[in-house]
């Protein structure tokens, strides 16, 4: 990670008897795209509001470039926030909406119009400068809100679920635009979302929060492949969690007895002992399906249903002895070639390298 620009140091936030954020610490690098995600009520928006200065931490400290932000009002922090609702002024033109922050800073009209128009052209909105902002489409208004935040040239831009109101196609286009802008400008983006697709497609690092606490911080690839704990694994949803008792600890793999038979799991930094109970997970996109086992770990399963996601298909299999469905992700073409129907009996198999203990990999 690049040098820390923002430091969250043991921050907690309470609202009466309710604790929204608990003893949280992490840093945000200069020029980094950081996404904070989690389910509703996890504390992600409260964290963003504390960064913006709209809420003060009950405990701990937030520092920008090493300077404490304690007591600084939002207009002195230079941390603009792009709201989910956009919060544009319906009575102003597009140009005046973009230039509003500059006006509050005392920039002369000619200069703020020049800078605002430059940003509108950058975001392909120059022809709409004189229009009332309410005459624009949802995607266009989204870009106006971005221009308004970026025209002040901040070091950090905060974004609170800015794409949640857009349709799927437009959301994908805006994701590409945001990532391109962030790389071009080198501005640090802190992006709050509940969407795994948004976070994983744009962010350099992702913070997963639950009940006011950080569960895991890492690259999208690291979190996807190696969830730190059961919560992250279930939240990401690309694995099946299994349990067994340790039968043998080898140099490369650990052998466990499970409800469906013996299985081998990549050892990683496993520190358990013979007979101990251990949870492990299997990556859904590393499981093979067929009439015969292709790998050392294998189970007989019944095909229940499937779900299409783009050109990939998630299969849900019922396995005797496993409480949850076994999830398998396949390319659509591979699924079509299998010719499976609900109720069919299949064999699912995977190598030891596709199974991991929680916390067993970086």
Protein backbone atom coordinates (compact mmCIF):
# COMPACT_ATOMS: atom_id res chain seq x y z
CA UNK A 1 0.00 0.00 0.00
CA UNK A 2 1.18 3.56 -0.69
CA UNK A 3 1.94 6.00 2.13
CA UNK A 4 -1.03 6.47 4.46
CA UNK A 5 -3.07 9.57 3.68
CA UNK A 6 -5.94 8.86 6.08
CA UNK A 7 -5.58 7.06 9.42
CA UNK A 8 -8.53 5.73 11.43
CA UNK A 9 -7.09 5.10 14.88
CA UNK A 10 -9.19 3.06 17.36
CA UNK A 11 -12.38 4.86 16.38
CA UNK A 12 -15.71 4.08 18.03
CA UNK A 13 -19.07 5.77 17.54
CA UNK A 14 -22.06 5.47 19.85
CA UNK A 15 -25.57 6.82 19.49
CA UNK A 16 -27.01 6.57 22.99
CA UNK A 17 -26.95 2.89 23.94
CA UNK A 18 -26.27 1.79 20.36
CA UNK A 19 -22.68 1.32 19.18
CA UNK A 20 -22.41 1.81 15.41
CA UNK A 21 -18.61 1.46 15.12
CA UNK A 22 -16.36 -0.34 17.62
CA UNK A 23 -12.62 0.23 18.18
CA UNK A 24 -11.80 0.34 14.48
CA UNK A 25 -8.35 1.02 13.03
CA UNK A 26 -7.07 1.03 9.45
CA UNK A 27 -5.21 3.30 7.05
CA UNK A 28 -6.03 4.51 3.55
CA UNK A 29 -3.15 5.04 1.15
CA UNK A 30 -2.60 8.07 -1.04
CA UNK A 31 -4.16 7.45 -4.45
CA UNK A 32 -5.92 4.30 -3.26
CA UNK A 33 -9.43 3.21 -4.19
CA UNK A 34 -10.81 1.75 -0.96
CA UNK A 35 -14.28 0.20 -0.78
CA UNK A 36 -16.10 -0.34 2.51
CA UNK A 37 -18.87 -2.89 2.31
CA UNK A 38 -21.22 -4.86 4.49
CA UNK A 39 -24.90 -5.42 5.10
CA UNK A 40 -27.25 -2.69 6.35
CA UNK A 41 -26.37 -1.52 9.85
CA UNK A 42 -22.77 -2.73 9.74
CA UNK A 43 -21.33 0.76 10.35
CA UNK A 44 -19.98 1.56 6.89
CA UNK A 45 -22.01 4.76 6.35
CA UNK A 46 -21.29 5.94 9.91
CA UNK A 47 -17.60 5.52 9.18
CA UNK A 48 -17.95 7.59 6.02
CA UNK A 49 -19.87 10.32 7.87
CA UNK A 50 -17.12 10.50 10.49
CA UNK A 51 -14.53 10.92 7.74
CA UNK A 52 -16.64 13.72 6.23
CA UNK A 53 -17.02 15.46 9.59
CA UNK A 54 -20.78 14.97 9.76
CA UNK A 55 -20.31 12.86 12.90
CA UNK A 56 -17.61 13.03 15.57
CA UNK A 57 -16.07 9.80 16.92
CA UNK A 58 -17.06 8.95 20.48
CA UNK A 59 -13.54 7.62 20.93
CA UNK A 60 -10.39 7.49 18.85
CA UNK A 61 -9.04 9.78 16.18
CA UNK A 62 -9.13 10.35 12.44
CA UNK A 63 -6.05 11.90 10.86
CA UNK A 64 -5.56 13.35 7.37
CA UNK A 65 -1.91 13.69 6.34
CA UNK A 66 -1.00 13.18 9.99
CA UNK A 67 -3.23 16.00 11.23
CA UNK A 68 -6.10 15.25 13.60
CA UNK A 69 -9.53 16.10 12.20
CA UNK A 70 -11.11 16.31 15.65
CA UNK A 71 -13.55 19.20 15.89
CA UNK A 72 -13.04 20.29 12.27
CA UNK A 73 -16.37 21.02 10.53
CA UNK A 74 -17.03 19.43 7.11
CA UNK A 75 -16.26 22.61 5.15
CA UNK A 76 -12.74 22.73 6.60
CA UNK A 77 -11.84 19.10 5.89
CA UNK A 78 -11.79 19.19 2.07
CA UNK A 79 -13.37 15.71 2.02
CA UNK A 80 -16.36 16.12 -0.31
CA UNK A 81 -19.08 13.49 -0.14
CA UNK A 82 -21.10 12.24 -3.11
CA UNK A 83 -24.44 11.22 -1.62
CA UNK A 84 -26.63 8.31 -2.61
CA UNK A 85 -29.42 10.86 -3.19
CA UNK A 86 -26.94 13.14 -5.07
CA UNK A 87 -28.32 16.22 -3.17
CA UNK A 88 -28.25 18.44 -6.26
CA UNK A 89 -30.00 21.83 -6.20
CA UNK A 90 -33.13 21.60 -8.40
CA UNK A 91 -33.38 25.38 -8.75
CA UNK A 92 -29.86 25.76 -10.20
CA UNK A 93 -28.42 25.11 -13.64
CA UNK A 94 -25.98 22.26 -14.22
CA UNK A 95 -23.09 24.75 -14.32
CA UNK A 96 -24.09 26.43 -11.08
CA UNK A 97 -24.55 23.07 -9.34
CA UNK A 98 -21.00 22.09 -10.26
CA UNK A 99 -19.60 25.45 -9.19
CA UNK A 100 -21.42 25.64 -5.86
CA UNK A 101 -18.49 24.39 -3.78
CA UNK A 102 -16.16 26.89 -5.45
CA UNK A 103 -18.66 29.68 -4.71
CA UNK A 104 -18.62 28.75 -1.03
CA UNK A 105 -14.83 29.06 -1.15
CA UNK A 106 -15.07 32.60 -2.50
CA UNK A 107 -13.86 31.81 -6.03
CA UNK A 108 -14.87 34.53 -8.51
CA UNK A 109 -17.69 33.66 -10.90
CA UNK A 110 -15.61 33.76 -14.08
CA UNK A 111 -13.03 31.40 -12.62
CA UNK A 112 -15.54 28.98 -11.11
CA UNK A 113 -17.50 28.88 -14.40
CA UNK A 114 -14.27 28.12 -16.27
CA UNK A 115 -13.32 25.31 -13.90
CA UNK A 116 -16.86 23.94 -13.73
CA UNK A 117 -17.22 23.88 -17.51
CA UNK A 118 -13.88 22.10 -17.84
CA UNK A 119 -15.15 19.33 -15.57
CA UNK A 120 -18.45 19.11 -17.40
CA UNK A 121 -16.57 18.59 -20.66
CA UNK A 122 -14.38 15.97 -19.00
CA UNK A 123 -17.53 14.09 -18.01
CA UNK A 124 -19.17 14.63 -21.43
CA UNK A 125 -21.77 17.05 -20.08
CA UNK A 126 -20.56 20.34 -21.56
CA UNK A 127 -23.60 20.74 -23.83
CA UNK A 128 -25.92 20.62 -20.80
CA UNK A 129 -24.21 23.38 -18.79
CA UNK A 130 -27.10 25.86 -19.06
CA UNK A 131 -29.89 23.34 -18.43
CA UNK A 132 -31.76 22.91 -15.19
CA UNK A 133 -30.28 19.88 -13.48
CA UNK A 134 -33.69 18.22 -13.17
CA UNK A 135 -33.93 18.01 -16.97
CA UNK A 136 -31.11 15.44 -17.04
CA UNK A 137 -31.29 11.67 -16.85
CA UNK A 138 -30.30 9.77 -13.73
CA UNK A 139 -26.87 8.90 -15.12
CA UNK A 140 -26.25 12.49 -16.20
CA UNK A 141 -27.20 13.82 -12.75
CA UNK A 142 -24.81 11.28 -11.26
CA UNK A 143 -21.99 12.76 -13.32
CA UNK A 144 -23.00 16.30 -12.29
CA UNK A 145 -22.67 15.25 -8.64
CA UNK A 146 -19.22 13.83 -9.38
CA UNK A 147 -18.15 17.00 -11.18
CA UNK A 148 -19.35 19.12 -8.24
CA UNK A 149 -17.21 17.06 -5.85
CA UNK A 150 -14.14 16.91 -8.08
CA UNK A 151 -14.04 20.54 -9.22
CA UNK A 152 -12.53 21.53 -5.87
CA UNK A 153 -9.65 19.09 -6.54
CA UNK A 154 -9.81 17.30 -3.17
CA UNK A 155 -7.20 14.87 -1.89
CA UNK A 156 -9.93 12.42 -0.88
CA UNK A 157 -13.37 11.84 -2.38
CA UNK A 158 -16.04 10.07 -0.29
CA UNK A 159 -18.84 8.21 -2.08
CA UNK A 160 -21.91 6.81 -0.31
CA UNK A 161 -23.56 4.13 -2.50
CA UNK A 162 -23.66 6.55 -5.46
CA UNK A 163 -24.80 3.96 -8.02
CA UNK A 164 -27.57 2.27 -6.06
CA UNK A 165 -30.38 4.09 -7.89
CA UNK A 166 -29.09 3.34 -11.40
CA UNK A 167 -30.17 0.44 -13.61
CA UNK A 168 -27.72 -2.43 -14.09
CA UNK A 169 -26.40 -1.32 -17.50
CA UNK A 170 -25.83 2.27 -16.42
CA UNK A 171 -24.26 1.14 -13.17
CA UNK A 172 -21.64 -0.88 -15.06
CA UNK A 173 -20.82 2.15 -17.23
CA UNK A 174 -20.49 4.38 -14.18
CA UNK A 175 -18.21 1.85 -12.48
CA UNK A 176 -15.85 2.03 -15.46
CA UNK A 177 -16.00 5.84 -15.43
CA UNK A 178 -15.28 6.08 -11.71
CA UNK A 179 -12.32 3.73 -11.91
CA UNK A 180 -10.91 5.52 -14.95
CA UNK A 181 -11.27 8.93 -13.28
CA UNK A 182 -9.68 7.73 -10.07
CA UNK A 183 -6.64 6.36 -11.90
CA UNK A 184 -6.30 9.44 -14.08
CA UNK A 185 -6.56 11.93 -11.20
CA UNK A 186 -4.73 9.97 -8.53
CA UNK A 187 -7.33 11.06 -5.97
CA UNK A 188 -8.00 8.76 -3.02
CA UNK A 189 -11.53 7.33 -3.26
CA UNK A 190 -13.37 5.93 -0.23
CA UNK A 191 -16.43 4.16 -1.58
CA UNK A 192 -19.22 2.73 0.57
CA UNK A 193 -21.41 0.07 -1.01
CA UNK A 194 -23.41 -3.07 -0.23
CA UNK A 195 -22.64 -4.41 -3.72
CA UNK A 196 -19.89 -7.00 -4.00
CA UNK A 197 -19.76 -6.47 -7.76
CA UNK A 198 -19.06 -2.75 -7.40
CA UNK A 199 -16.47 -3.18 -4.66
CA UNK A 200 -14.58 -6.02 -6.32
CA UNK A 201 -14.55 -4.50 -9.81
CA UNK A 202 -13.23 -1.08 -8.77
CA UNK A 203 -11.35 -1.16 -5.47
CA UNK A 204 -7.68 -1.73 -4.77
CA UNK A 205 -8.62 -2.92 -1.28
CA UNK A 206 -11.92 -3.83 0.33
CA UNK A 207 -12.96 -3.44 3.98
CA UNK A 208 -15.64 -5.90 5.10
CA UNK A 209 -17.60 -4.70 8.15
CA UNK A 210 -20.15 -6.39 10.40
CA UNK A 211 -21.85 -5.03 13.52
CA UNK A 212 -19.51 -2.07 13.71
CA UNK A 213 -16.31 -4.08 13.40
CA UNK A 214 -13.87 -4.74 10.57
CA UNK A 215 -13.92 -8.43 9.70
CA UNK A 216 -11.30 -8.37 6.94
CA UNK A 217 -9.26 -5.92 4.86
CA UNK A 218 -7.52 -6.98 1.68
CA UNK A 219 -7.46 -7.01 -2.09
CA UNK A 220 -10.62 -8.25 -3.82
CA UNK A 221 -8.71 -11.35 -4.91
CA UNK A 222 -7.48 -12.12 -1.38
CA UNK A 223 -10.93 -11.72 0.15
CA UNK A 224 -12.59 -13.77 -2.59
CA UNK A 225 -10.09 -16.63 -2.37
CA UNK A 226 -9.27 -16.51 1.34
CA UNK A 227 -12.09 -15.17 3.55
CA UNK A 228 -10.76 -14.60 7.06
CA UNK A 229 -13.70 -16.14 8.89
CA UNK A 230 -17.15 -17.67 8.54
CA UNK A 231 -18.91 -14.31 8.36
CA UNK A 232 -16.83 -13.10 5.40
CA UNK A 233 -17.20 -16.45 3.65
CA UNK A 234 -20.99 -16.37 3.99
CA UNK A 235 -21.17 -12.70 3.05
CA UNK A 236 -19.14 -13.18 -0.15
CA UNK A 237 -21.07 -16.36 -0.86
CA UNK A 238 -18.66 -18.12 -3.21
CA UNK A 239 -17.74 -21.00 -0.90
CA UNK A 240 -19.27 -23.91 0.96
CA UNK A 241 -18.29 -24.30 4.61
CA UNK A 242 -17.65 -27.83 5.94
CA UNK A 243 -16.53 -29.29 9.27
CA UNK A 244 -14.51 -32.31 10.27
CA UNK A 245 -12.22 -33.76 12.91
CA UNK A 246 -8.48 -33.84 12.27
CA UNK A 247 -7.22 -37.32 11.44
CA UNK A 248 -3.72 -36.54 10.16
CA UNK A 249 -1.55 -33.43 9.72
CA UNK A 250 0.82 -33.69 6.77
CA UNK A 251 3.37 -31.27 5.33
CA UNK A 252 1.09 -30.03 2.54
CA UNK A 253 -2.40 -31.06 3.62
CA UNK A 254 -4.51 -31.98 6.62
CA UNK A 255 -6.71 -35.07 6.48
CA UNK A 256 -10.11 -34.76 8.18
CA UNK A 257 -12.97 -37.12 8.88
CA UNK A 258 -16.26 -35.49 7.85
CA UNK A 259 -19.90 -36.52 7.67
CA UNK A 260 -19.37 -37.40 4.01
CA UNK A 261 -16.05 -39.24 4.42
CA UNK A 262 -12.37 -38.39 4.54
CA UNK A 263 -11.21 -35.11 2.98
CA UNK A 264 -7.89 -33.36 2.47
CA UNK A 265 -7.50 -29.62 3.07
CA UNK A 266 -4.58 -27.38 2.17
CA UNK A 267 -2.53 -27.03 5.35
CA UNK A 268 -1.67 -23.29 5.16
CA UNK A 269 -0.73 -22.20 8.69
CA UNK A 270 -3.06 -24.71 10.37
CA UNK A 271 -2.03 -25.13 14.01
CA UNK A 272 -4.59 -27.68 15.20
CA UNK A 273 -3.91 -31.17 16.53
CA UNK A 274 -5.20 -34.71 16.01
CA UNK A 275 -8.87 -35.08 16.93
CA UNK A 276 -9.63 -31.34 16.94
CA UNK A 277 -12.77 -30.06 15.25
CA UNK A 278 -12.05 -27.67 12.36
CA UNK A 279 -14.11 -25.66 9.88
CA UNK A 280 -12.87 -25.33 6.31
CA UNK A 281 -14.25 -23.99 3.06
CA UNK A 282 -14.24 -25.04 -0.58
CA UNK A 283 -14.07 -22.50 -3.41
CA UNK A 284 -17.13 -22.95 -5.62
CA UNK A 285 -15.32 -22.28 -8.90
CA UNK A 286 -12.75 -25.01 -8.24
CA UNK A 287 -15.20 -27.89 -7.94
CA UNK A 288 -15.55 -30.32 -10.87
CA UNK A 289 -18.84 -32.00 -11.76
CA UNK A 290 -19.25 -35.35 -13.54
CA UNK A 291 -20.20 -38.99 -13.34
CA UNK A 292 -16.87 -39.97 -11.77
CA UNK A 293 -14.57 -38.19 -9.31
CA UNK A 294 -11.71 -36.18 -10.84
CA UNK A 295 -9.99 -35.25 -7.58
CA UNK A 296 -9.14 -36.75 -4.19
CA UNK A 297 -12.06 -35.08 -2.38
CA UNK A 298 -15.40 -36.16 -3.77
CA UNK A 299 -19.05 -36.50 -2.76
CA UNK A 300 -22.17 -37.91 -4.37
CA UNK A 301 -24.76 -35.12 -4.67
CA UNK A 302 -28.22 -34.37 -6.04
CA UNK A 303 -28.61 -31.40 -8.39
CA UNK A 304 -31.24 -29.03 -6.95
CA UNK A 305 -31.21 -25.80 -8.97
CA UNK A 306 -29.04 -23.25 -10.75
CA UNK A 307 -28.67 -19.49 -11.11
CA UNK A 308 -27.26 -17.60 -14.10
CA UNK A 309 -24.91 -14.67 -13.44
CA UNK A 310 -23.63 -13.31 -16.74
CA UNK A 311 -21.81 -16.13 -18.54
CA UNK A 312 -21.35 -18.12 -15.33
CA UNK A 313 -23.76 -20.52 -13.65
CA UNK A 314 -24.00 -21.27 -9.93
CA UNK A 315 -25.25 -24.79 -9.16
CA UNK A 316 -26.79 -25.79 -5.85
CA UNK A 317 -26.26 -29.42 -4.85
CA UNK A 318 -27.69 -31.40 -1.96
CA UNK A 319 -25.14 -33.62 -0.20
CA UNK A 320 -26.16 -36.03 2.59
CA UNK A 321 -24.44 -34.99 5.82
CA UNK A 322 -23.90 -31.36 4.74
CA UNK A 323 -26.36 -28.86 6.20
CA UNK A 324 -25.96 -26.19 3.52
CA UNK A 325 -26.11 -26.68 -0.24
CA UNK A 326 -22.81 -27.33 -1.96
CA UNK A 327 -22.22 -24.41 -4.37
CA UNK A 328 -20.47 -24.95 -7.69
CA UNK A 329 -19.65 -22.20 -10.21
CA UNK A 330 -19.18 -23.21 -13.85
CA UNK A 331 -18.91 -21.43 -17.20
CA UNK A 332 -22.29 -21.49 -18.95
CA UNK A 333 -20.87 -23.54 -21.83
CA UNK A 334 -19.62 -26.22 -19.45
CA UNK A 335 -22.99 -26.35 -17.72
CA UNK A 336 -24.82 -26.72 -21.05
CA UNK A 337 -22.58 -29.64 -22.03
CA UNK A 338 -23.44 -31.49 -18.83
CA UNK A 339 -27.14 -31.60 -19.74
CA UNK A 340 -28.15 -31.78 -16.09
CA UNK A 341 -31.73 -31.72 -14.84
CA UNK A 342 -32.95 -31.05 -11.29
CA UNK A 343 -32.91 -34.30 -9.34
CA UNK A 344 -29.97 -35.79 -11.25
CA UNK A 345 -27.26 -37.55 -9.25
CA UNK A 346 -23.73 -36.22 -9.85
CA UNK A 347 -20.26 -36.45 -8.37
CA UNK A 348 -18.63 -33.22 -7.16
CA UNK A 349 -14.88 -33.33 -6.57
CA UNK A 350 -12.05 -30.96 -5.76
CA UNK A 351 -8.34 -31.09 -4.94
CA UNK A 352 -6.94 -30.33 -1.48
CA UNK A 353 -5.59 -27.05 -2.88
CA UNK A 354 -9.17 -25.83 -3.41
CA UNK A 355 -10.04 -26.25 0.29
CA UNK A 356 -8.69 -24.01 3.05
CA UNK A 357 -8.93 -23.38 6.77
CA UNK A 358 -10.05 -19.92 7.83
CA UNK A 359 -7.11 -17.61 8.38
CA UNK A 360 -4.85 -20.10 6.66
CA UNK A 361 -3.79 -17.87 3.77
CA UNK A 362 -2.93 -14.23 3.28
